[in-house]
Amino acid sequence: MARTAIDKILAAAGHGDLEGVRQLLDSGVSVNIANHLGYTPLMSAARSYRSEVDSFLLDAGAEPRHTTNDGYTALHTAVGETPSLPEKQRDCVRLLVQAGAPLDAKTESGHSALVLAAWFGCDLSVEELLAKGADSNAIDANGRNAEQLARERGHAVAADLVAASRNI
C-alpha cells in the first residue's frame, strides 16, 4: 500500500528526520496538514520530543493552537505519556509555549497540558508549565485537578509542584 503525504510527514517528524520533513514541505505538503484525527506533523514531533523538528515546523508556519478532533494540541501530545527523556520533553514544552501553544486549552475530556503532565509524572514539564503560568487549579471533566491526579498515580514530585504553586 502506498504511503500518503500525511503518513510520510508524520513519520518523518516523529522520527526526527528534519531533512525528510524539509523535502516534503518543499514538494508542496502543507506544514499544517492533518490526518483524519486532526493530528499534525507538529504534534508528531512534539510527541517524540523532537524540538529541532518542531522549531523548523514552527518557523515554516505550523500552527501551535491547532487541535485534534478531540481537542489535543501539540502541547498535550508532548506531555501525553510518561517521559522517556524528561529534559527533551521539557525543552519541547518550552518551545511550544514560547510559540503560542495555549497553556490551558482542554481536551474533550477536560485535560489541560498541566493535568496530563501531572498524570504522567512529567515533573520537569509540570515545573515548566507552572513557571509559564499554567492554571494549577484546572480540573478535568471528572472534577479532578492536577495535584489529585498526580497523587492518584503516585507521582509525588509532580503533585508537590502543583500544590506549592497554589500556595504562592
N, C-alpha and C. Protein backbone atom coordinates (compact mmCIF):
# COMPACT_ATOMS: atom_id res chain seq x y z
N MET A 1 0.84 -1.18 0.00
CA MET A 1 0.00 0.00 0.00
C MET A 1 0.89 1.25 0.00
N ALA A 2 0.62 2.16 -0.86
CA ALA A 2 1.41 3.39 -0.98
C ALA A 2 1.15 4.30 0.21
N ARG A 3 2.22 4.87 0.72
CA ARG A 3 2.09 5.81 1.83
C ARG A 3 1.70 7.17 1.28
N THR A 4 0.80 7.83 1.98
CA THR A 4 0.34 9.15 1.58
C THR A 4 1.29 10.21 2.12
N ALA A 5 1.11 11.42 1.64
CA ALA A 5 1.94 12.53 2.10
C ALA A 5 1.82 12.72 3.61
N ILE A 6 0.60 12.61 4.13
CA ILE A 6 0.43 12.80 5.57
C ILE A 6 1.16 11.70 6.34
N ASP A 7 1.07 10.46 5.86
CA ASP A 7 1.79 9.36 6.53
C ASP A 7 3.29 9.63 6.53
N LYS A 8 3.79 10.08 5.40
CA LYS A 8 5.24 10.32 5.27
C LYS A 8 5.71 11.44 6.19
N ILE A 9 4.97 12.54 6.21
CA ILE A 9 5.45 13.67 7.01
C ILE A 9 5.26 13.41 8.51
N LEU A 10 4.20 12.71 8.89
CA LEU A 10 4.04 12.36 10.30
C LEU A 10 5.18 11.45 10.76
N ALA A 11 5.53 10.48 9.93
CA ALA A 11 6.63 9.57 10.27
C ALA A 11 7.95 10.32 10.35
N ALA A 12 8.21 11.15 9.36
CA ALA A 12 9.47 11.90 9.35
C ALA A 12 9.57 12.81 10.57
N ALA A 13 8.50 13.52 10.89
CA ALA A 13 8.52 14.42 12.05
C ALA A 13 8.72 13.64 13.34
N GLY A 14 8.02 12.53 13.48
CA GLY A 14 8.11 11.73 14.69
C GLY A 14 9.46 11.06 14.88
N HIS A 15 10.14 10.79 13.78
CA HIS A 15 11.47 10.16 13.85
C HIS A 15 12.60 11.18 13.87
N GLY A 16 12.24 12.44 13.83
CA GLY A 16 13.27 13.48 13.87
C GLY A 16 14.02 13.63 12.56
N ASP A 17 13.40 13.22 11.46
CA ASP A 17 14.03 13.30 10.14
C ASP A 17 13.78 14.69 9.55
N LEU A 18 14.60 15.63 9.99
CA LEU A 18 14.43 17.02 9.57
C LEU A 18 14.55 17.18 8.06
N GLU A 19 15.50 16.49 7.46
CA GLU A 19 15.67 16.59 6.01
C GLU A 19 14.45 16.04 5.28
N GLY A 20 13.90 14.94 5.78
CA GLY A 20 12.69 14.37 5.18
C GLY A 20 11.51 15.32 5.28
N VAL A 21 11.36 15.96 6.43
CA VAL A 21 10.29 16.95 6.62
C VAL A 21 10.50 18.11 5.65
N ARG A 22 11.73 18.59 5.58
CA ARG A 22 12.04 19.72 4.68
C ARG A 22 11.69 19.36 3.23
N GLN A 23 12.08 18.18 2.79
CA GLN A 23 11.80 17.76 1.41
C GLN A 23 10.30 17.67 1.14
N LEU A 24 9.56 17.15 2.10
CA LEU A 24 8.11 17.04 1.91
C LEU A 24 7.46 18.41 1.84
N LEU A 25 7.89 19.33 2.69
CA LEU A 25 7.35 20.69 2.62
C LEU A 25 7.74 21.35 1.30
N ASP A 26 8.99 21.15 0.87
CA ASP A 26 9.44 21.71 -0.40
C ASP A 26 8.65 21.15 -1.59
N SER A 27 8.15 19.92 -1.45
CA SER A 27 7.39 19.31 -2.54
C SER A 27 5.93 19.74 -2.55
N GLY A 28 5.54 20.59 -1.58
CA GLY A 28 4.19 21.12 -1.57
C GLY A 28 3.28 20.62 -0.46
N VAL A 29 3.77 19.74 0.39
CA VAL A 29 2.95 19.28 1.51
C VAL A 29 2.77 20.45 2.48
N SER A 30 1.56 20.67 2.92
CA SER A 30 1.27 21.78 3.85
C SER A 30 1.87 21.50 5.22
N VAL A 31 2.45 22.52 5.81
CA VAL A 31 3.03 22.40 7.15
C VAL A 31 1.94 22.06 8.18
N ASN A 32 0.71 22.42 7.89
CA ASN A 32 -0.40 22.17 8.81
C ASN A 32 -1.31 21.03 8.35
N ILE A 33 -0.82 20.17 7.47
CA ILE A 33 -1.60 19.02 7.03
C ILE A 33 -1.97 18.18 8.25
N ALA A 34 -3.18 17.63 8.25
CA ALA A 34 -3.63 16.82 9.37
C ALA A 34 -4.26 15.53 8.85
N ASN A 35 -4.12 14.47 9.64
CA ASN A 35 -4.77 13.22 9.25
C ASN A 35 -6.24 13.25 9.65
N HIS A 36 -6.93 12.14 9.51
CA HIS A 36 -8.37 12.09 9.77
C HIS A 36 -8.72 12.36 11.24
N LEU A 37 -7.73 12.28 12.12
CA LEU A 37 -7.95 12.58 13.54
C LEU A 37 -7.59 14.02 13.90
N GLY A 38 -7.04 14.74 12.92
CA GLY A 38 -6.61 16.11 13.17
C GLY A 38 -5.17 16.21 13.65
N TYR A 39 -4.43 15.12 13.57
CA TYR A 39 -3.05 15.02 14.05
C TYR A 39 -2.11 15.60 13.01
N THR A 40 -1.23 16.51 13.44
CA THR A 40 -0.34 17.24 12.52
C THR A 40 1.12 16.85 12.71
N PRO A 41 1.99 17.24 11.77
CA PRO A 41 3.42 17.00 11.94
C PRO A 41 3.99 17.63 13.22
N LEU A 42 3.51 18.81 13.59
CA LEU A 42 3.97 19.45 14.82
C LEU A 42 3.68 18.56 16.02
N MET A 43 2.52 17.95 16.03
CA MET A 43 2.14 17.04 17.13
C MET A 43 3.00 15.79 17.13
N SER A 44 3.27 15.27 15.95
CA SER A 44 4.10 14.06 15.85
C SER A 44 5.50 14.32 16.38
N ALA A 45 6.08 15.44 16.01
CA ALA A 45 7.41 15.79 16.52
C ALA A 45 7.38 16.05 18.02
N ALA A 46 6.32 16.71 18.49
CA ALA A 46 6.21 17.01 19.92
C ALA A 46 6.09 15.74 20.75
N ARG A 47 5.35 14.78 20.25
CA ARG A 47 5.17 13.53 21.00
C ARG A 47 6.49 12.79 21.18
N SER A 48 7.41 12.99 20.23
CA SER A 48 8.72 12.34 20.30
C SER A 48 9.81 13.26 20.82
N TYR A 49 9.41 14.44 21.31
CA TYR A 49 10.33 15.44 21.86
C TYR A 49 11.37 15.87 20.83
N ARG A 50 10.97 16.04 19.60
CA ARG A 50 11.86 16.45 18.51
C ARG A 50 11.82 17.97 18.37
N SER A 51 12.43 18.65 19.31
CA SER A 51 12.39 20.12 19.33
C SER A 51 12.96 20.73 18.06
N GLU A 52 14.01 20.12 17.50
CA GLU A 52 14.60 20.68 16.29
C GLU A 52 13.61 20.63 15.13
N VAL A 53 12.81 19.57 15.07
CA VAL A 53 11.79 19.46 14.01
C VAL A 53 10.64 20.41 14.32
N ASP A 54 10.22 20.46 15.58
CA ASP A 54 9.15 21.39 15.95
C ASP A 54 9.56 22.83 15.65
N SER A 55 10.79 23.19 15.97
CA SER A 55 11.27 24.54 15.70
C SER A 55 11.22 24.85 14.20
N PHE A 56 11.67 23.91 13.39
CA PHE A 56 11.63 24.07 11.94
C PHE A 56 10.18 24.23 11.45
N LEU A 57 9.29 23.37 11.95
CA LEU A 57 7.89 23.43 11.54
C LEU A 57 7.24 24.75 11.96
N LEU A 58 7.55 25.20 13.16
CA LEU A 58 7.01 26.48 13.63
C LEU A 58 7.52 27.63 12.77
N ASP A 59 8.80 27.60 12.43
CA ASP A 59 9.36 28.63 11.55
C ASP A 59 8.72 28.60 10.17
N ALA A 60 8.28 27.41 9.75
CA ALA A 60 7.64 27.25 8.44
C ALA A 60 6.14 27.57 8.49
N GLY A 61 5.63 27.92 9.67
CA GLY A 61 4.23 28.33 9.78
C GLY A 61 3.30 27.35 10.46
N ALA A 62 3.82 26.34 11.11
CA ALA A 62 2.94 25.39 11.81
C ALA A 62 2.16 26.13 12.89
N GLU A 63 0.93 25.74 13.06
CA GLU A 63 0.01 26.41 13.98
C GLU A 63 0.00 25.68 15.33
N PRO A 64 0.60 26.29 16.38
CA PRO A 64 0.65 25.62 17.68
C PRO A 64 -0.70 25.54 18.39
N ARG A 65 -1.69 26.26 17.89
CA ARG A 65 -3.03 26.24 18.51
C ARG A 65 -3.96 25.21 17.87
N HIS A 66 -3.50 24.57 16.82
CA HIS A 66 -4.34 23.56 16.14
C HIS A 66 -4.70 22.45 17.11
N THR A 67 -5.92 21.96 17.02
CA THR A 67 -6.35 20.86 17.87
C THR A 67 -6.78 19.66 17.03
N THR A 68 -6.61 18.49 17.63
CA THR A 68 -7.14 17.27 17.01
C THR A 68 -8.66 17.29 17.15
N ASN A 69 -9.30 16.29 16.59
CA ASN A 69 -10.75 16.20 16.67
C ASN A 69 -11.25 16.14 18.11
N ASP A 70 -10.41 15.64 19.03
CA ASP A 70 -10.81 15.55 20.43
C ASP A 70 -10.13 16.59 21.32
N GLY A 71 -9.59 17.64 20.69
CA GLY A 71 -9.12 18.79 21.44
C GLY A 71 -7.67 18.82 21.88
N TYR A 72 -6.87 17.87 21.45
CA TYR A 72 -5.46 17.86 21.83
C TYR A 72 -4.66 18.83 20.97
N THR A 73 -3.77 19.59 21.62
CA THR A 73 -2.82 20.45 20.91
C THR A 73 -1.47 19.74 20.89
N ALA A 74 -0.50 20.34 20.23
CA ALA A 74 0.86 19.79 20.25
C ALA A 74 1.40 19.76 21.68
N LEU A 75 1.02 20.74 22.50
CA LEU A 75 1.45 20.76 23.89
C LEU A 75 0.90 19.55 24.64
N HIS A 76 -0.35 19.20 24.41
CA HIS A 76 -0.92 17.99 25.02
C HIS A 76 -0.14 16.75 24.59
N THR A 77 0.17 16.67 23.30
CA THR A 77 0.86 15.46 22.83
C THR A 77 2.26 15.36 23.39
N ALA A 78 2.90 16.50 23.67
CA ALA A 78 4.25 16.47 24.24
C ALA A 78 4.26 15.87 25.64
N VAL A 79 3.17 16.04 26.39
CA VAL A 79 3.13 15.56 27.78
C VAL A 79 2.15 14.40 27.96
N GLY A 80 1.74 13.79 26.87
CA GLY A 80 0.71 12.76 26.91
C GLY A 80 1.17 11.36 27.23
N GLU A 81 2.36 11.22 27.78
CA GLU A 81 2.83 9.91 28.23
C GLU A 81 4.01 10.13 29.18
N THR A 82 4.34 9.09 29.95
CA THR A 82 5.47 9.18 30.87
C THR A 82 6.72 9.45 30.06
N PRO A 83 7.48 10.47 30.44
CA PRO A 83 8.62 10.87 29.60
C PRO A 83 9.78 9.88 29.65
N SER A 84 10.26 9.51 28.48
CA SER A 84 11.47 8.68 28.41
C SER A 84 12.70 9.57 28.45
N LEU A 85 12.54 10.81 28.04
CA LEU A 85 13.63 11.80 28.02
C LEU A 85 13.10 13.10 28.63
N PRO A 86 13.06 13.19 29.96
CA PRO A 86 12.41 14.33 30.61
C PRO A 86 12.94 15.70 30.20
N GLU A 87 14.25 15.82 30.03
CA GLU A 87 14.81 17.12 29.65
C GLU A 87 14.38 17.51 28.25
N LYS A 88 14.37 16.56 27.34
CA LYS A 88 13.93 16.85 25.97
C LYS A 88 12.45 17.18 25.93
N GLN A 89 11.67 16.49 26.76
CA GLN A 89 10.24 16.79 26.83
C GLN A 89 10.04 18.22 27.32
N ARG A 90 10.74 18.60 28.39
CA ARG A 90 10.63 19.96 28.92
C ARG A 90 11.04 20.99 27.87
N ASP A 91 12.11 20.72 27.14
CA ASP A 91 12.56 21.66 26.10
C ASP A 91 11.50 21.82 25.02
N CYS A 92 10.83 20.74 24.68
CA CYS A 92 9.77 20.78 23.68
C CYS A 92 8.58 21.59 24.21
N VAL A 93 8.22 21.37 25.46
CA VAL A 93 7.15 22.13 26.09
C VAL A 93 7.49 23.62 26.07
N ARG A 94 8.71 23.95 26.45
CA ARG A 94 9.15 25.35 26.48
C ARG A 94 9.01 25.98 25.09
N LEU A 95 9.47 25.28 24.07
CA LEU A 95 9.41 25.77 22.69
C LEU A 95 7.96 26.02 22.27
N LEU A 96 7.09 25.05 22.53
CA LEU A 96 5.70 25.18 22.12
C LEU A 96 4.99 26.33 22.83
N VAL A 97 5.26 26.49 24.11
CA VAL A 97 4.65 27.60 24.86
C VAL A 97 5.15 28.93 24.32
N GLN A 98 6.46 29.03 24.07
CA GLN A 98 7.01 30.27 23.51
C GLN A 98 6.42 30.59 22.15
N ALA A 99 6.04 29.55 21.41
CA ALA A 99 5.47 29.74 20.08
C ALA A 99 3.97 30.07 20.11
N GLY A 100 3.39 30.05 21.29
CA GLY A 100 1.98 30.42 21.40
C GLY A 100 1.02 29.28 21.64
N ALA A 101 1.52 28.09 21.95
CA ALA A 101 0.60 27.00 22.29
C ALA A 101 -0.19 27.40 23.53
N PRO A 102 -1.50 27.23 23.49
CA PRO A 102 -2.32 27.66 24.63
C PRO A 102 -2.07 26.80 25.87
N LEU A 103 -1.65 27.44 26.94
CA LEU A 103 -1.32 26.74 28.18
C LEU A 103 -2.49 25.96 28.77
N ASP A 104 -3.66 26.54 28.76
CA ASP A 104 -4.77 25.96 29.48
C ASP A 104 -5.88 25.40 28.59
N ALA A 105 -5.56 25.16 27.31
CA ALA A 105 -6.55 24.53 26.42
C ALA A 105 -6.89 23.16 26.98
N LYS A 106 -8.16 22.78 26.84
CA LYS A 106 -8.60 21.49 27.37
C LYS A 106 -9.08 20.58 26.26
N THR A 107 -8.79 19.30 26.45
CA THR A 107 -9.28 18.27 25.54
C THR A 107 -10.77 18.05 25.81
N GLU A 108 -11.39 17.20 24.99
CA GLU A 108 -12.81 16.90 25.22
C GLU A 108 -13.04 16.33 26.61
N SER A 109 -12.04 15.62 27.15
CA SER A 109 -12.19 15.04 28.49
C SER A 109 -11.74 16.01 29.58
N GLY A 110 -11.52 17.26 29.21
CA GLY A 110 -11.23 18.29 30.18
C GLY A 110 -9.79 18.36 30.66
N HIS A 111 -8.88 17.72 29.96
CA HIS A 111 -7.48 17.71 30.38
C HIS A 111 -6.69 18.87 29.78
N SER A 112 -6.11 19.68 30.65
CA SER A 112 -5.15 20.68 30.20
C SER A 112 -3.80 19.98 30.09
N ALA A 113 -2.83 20.66 29.50
CA ALA A 113 -1.48 20.07 29.41
C ALA A 113 -0.92 19.82 30.80
N LEU A 114 -1.18 20.72 31.75
CA LEU A 114 -0.69 20.53 33.11
C LEU A 114 -1.31 19.30 33.75
N VAL A 115 -2.59 19.11 33.57
CA VAL A 115 -3.26 17.93 34.13
C VAL A 115 -2.64 16.65 33.56
N LEU A 116 -2.42 16.63 32.25
CA LEU A 116 -1.79 15.44 31.64
C LEU A 116 -0.37 15.24 32.13
N ALA A 117 0.40 16.33 32.20
CA ALA A 117 1.79 16.22 32.65
C ALA A 117 1.85 15.67 34.07
N ALA A 118 0.97 16.13 34.93
CA ALA A 118 0.93 15.63 36.31
C ALA A 118 0.51 14.17 36.35
N TRP A 119 -0.50 13.81 35.57
CA TRP A 119 -1.00 12.43 35.50
C TRP A 119 0.11 11.46 35.09
N PHE A 120 0.95 11.88 34.15
CA PHE A 120 2.01 11.00 33.64
C PHE A 120 3.34 11.19 34.37
N GLY A 121 3.37 12.04 35.39
CA GLY A 121 4.60 12.21 36.16
C GLY A 121 5.71 12.91 35.40
N CYS A 122 5.34 13.86 34.59
CA CYS A 122 6.31 14.63 33.80
C CYS A 122 6.80 15.80 34.65
N ASP A 123 7.62 15.52 35.65
CA ASP A 123 7.99 16.51 36.66
C ASP A 123 8.59 17.78 36.07
N LEU A 124 9.56 17.64 35.17
CA LEU A 124 10.20 18.83 34.59
C LEU A 124 9.22 19.64 33.76
N SER A 125 8.32 18.95 33.07
CA SER A 125 7.32 19.66 32.27
C SER A 125 6.27 20.31 33.15
N VAL A 126 5.90 19.66 34.24
CA VAL A 126 4.98 20.29 35.20
C VAL A 126 5.60 21.58 35.71
N GLU A 127 6.86 21.51 36.10
CA GLU A 127 7.56 22.69 36.59
C GLU A 127 7.59 23.80 35.53
N GLU A 128 7.88 23.43 34.29
CA GLU A 128 7.92 24.41 33.19
C GLU A 128 6.55 25.03 32.94
N LEU A 129 5.52 24.21 32.88
CA LEU A 129 4.17 24.72 32.64
C LEU A 129 3.74 25.67 33.76
N LEU A 130 4.03 25.31 34.99
CA LEU A 130 3.68 26.19 36.10
C LEU A 130 4.46 27.50 36.03
N ALA A 131 5.73 27.43 35.69
CA ALA A 131 6.55 28.64 35.57
C ALA A 131 6.03 29.57 34.48
N LYS A 132 5.41 28.99 33.45
CA LYS A 132 4.86 29.80 32.35
C LYS A 132 3.45 30.29 32.63
N GLY A 133 2.88 29.88 33.78
CA GLY A 133 1.57 30.40 34.17
C GLY A 133 0.39 29.48 33.98
N ALA A 134 0.62 28.18 33.80
CA ALA A 134 -0.50 27.24 33.66
C ALA A 134 -1.37 27.28 34.91
N ASP A 135 -2.66 27.11 34.72
CA ASP A 135 -3.63 27.16 35.81
C ASP A 135 -3.52 25.90 36.67
N SER A 136 -2.99 26.04 37.88
CA SER A 136 -2.80 24.90 38.77
C SER A 136 -4.11 24.44 39.40
N ASN A 137 -5.17 25.21 39.22
CA ASN A 137 -6.47 24.82 39.76
C ASN A 137 -7.39 24.19 38.71
N ALA A 138 -6.90 24.05 37.49
CA ALA A 138 -7.73 23.48 36.42
C ALA A 138 -8.16 22.07 36.79
N ILE A 139 -9.39 21.73 36.43
CA ILE A 139 -9.91 20.40 36.71
C ILE A 139 -10.32 19.72 35.40
N ASP A 140 -10.35 18.39 35.43
CA ASP A 140 -10.79 17.65 34.26
C ASP A 140 -12.31 17.47 34.29
N ALA A 141 -12.84 16.74 33.34
CA ALA A 141 -14.28 16.55 33.24
C ALA A 141 -14.87 15.82 34.44
N ASN A 142 -14.03 15.15 35.22
CA ASN A 142 -14.49 14.44 36.41
C ASN A 142 -14.25 15.23 37.70
N GLY A 143 -13.85 16.49 37.56
CA GLY A 143 -13.66 17.34 38.71
C GLY A 143 -12.35 17.16 39.45
N ARG A 144 -11.39 16.48 38.83
CA ARG A 144 -10.10 16.24 39.47
C ARG A 144 -9.08 17.24 38.96
N ASN A 145 -8.22 17.73 39.87
CA ASN A 145 -7.18 18.67 39.46
C ASN A 145 -5.85 17.94 39.28
N ALA A 146 -4.84 18.67 38.82
CA ALA A 146 -3.54 18.08 38.51
C ALA A 146 -2.90 17.44 39.74
N GLU A 147 -3.00 18.10 40.88
CA GLU A 147 -2.41 17.54 42.10
C GLU A 147 -3.07 16.21 42.46
N GLN A 148 -4.38 16.17 42.43
CA GLN A 148 -5.10 14.94 42.76
C GLN A 148 -4.72 13.80 41.82
N LEU A 149 -4.66 14.10 40.54
CA LEU A 149 -4.34 13.06 39.56
C LEU A 149 -2.90 12.56 39.74
N ALA A 150 -1.98 13.47 40.00
CA ALA A 150 -0.59 13.06 40.22
C ALA A 150 -0.49 12.17 41.46
N ARG A 151 -1.16 12.54 42.53
CA ARG A 151 -1.11 11.72 43.76
C ARG A 151 -1.74 10.35 43.52
N GLU A 152 -2.85 10.35 42.78
CA GLU A 152 -3.53 9.09 42.46
C GLU A 152 -2.59 8.12 41.74
N ARG A 153 -1.74 8.65 40.90
CA ARG A 153 -0.81 7.83 40.12
C ARG A 153 0.54 7.63 40.80
N GLY A 154 0.71 8.19 41.99
CA GLY A 154 1.96 8.01 42.73
C GLY A 154 3.09 8.92 42.28
N HIS A 155 2.75 10.04 41.68
CA HIS A 155 3.76 11.00 41.21
C HIS A 155 3.87 12.15 42.22
N ALA A 156 4.54 11.87 43.33
CA ALA A 156 4.61 12.82 44.44
C ALA A 156 5.29 14.13 44.05
N VAL A 157 6.35 14.06 43.26
CA VAL A 157 7.07 15.29 42.88
C VAL A 157 6.15 16.21 42.09
N ALA A 158 5.48 15.67 41.09
CA ALA A 158 4.55 16.47 40.29
C ALA A 158 3.44 17.04 41.17
N ALA A 159 2.89 16.21 42.04
CA ALA A 159 1.81 16.66 42.92
C ALA A 159 2.29 17.78 43.83
N ASP A 160 3.48 17.63 44.39
CA ASP A 160 4.02 18.66 45.28
C ASP A 160 4.30 19.97 44.54
N LEU A 161 4.76 19.87 43.30
CA LEU A 161 4.99 21.08 42.50
C LEU A 161 3.69 21.85 42.29
N VAL A 162 2.62 21.12 41.96
CA VAL A 162 1.33 21.76 41.74
C VAL A 162 0.82 22.36 43.04
N ALA A 163 0.91 21.60 44.13
CA ALA A 163 0.45 22.09 45.42
C ALA A 163 1.19 23.36 45.83
N ALA A 164 2.50 23.35 45.65
CA ALA A 164 3.32 24.52 46.02
C ALA A 164 2.94 25.74 45.20
N SER A 165 2.59 25.54 43.95
CA SER A 165 2.25 26.68 43.08
C SER A 165 0.93 27.31 43.51
N ARG A 166 0.07 26.53 44.13
CA ARG A 166 -1.22 27.06 44.57
C ARG A 166 -1.10 27.79 45.90
N ASN A 167 0.00 27.55 46.61
CA ASN A 167 0.20 28.17 47.92
C ASN A 167 1.04 29.44 47.85
N ILE A 168 1.35 29.88 46.64
CA ILE A 168 2.19 31.08 46.50
C ILE A 168 1.33 32.33 46.64
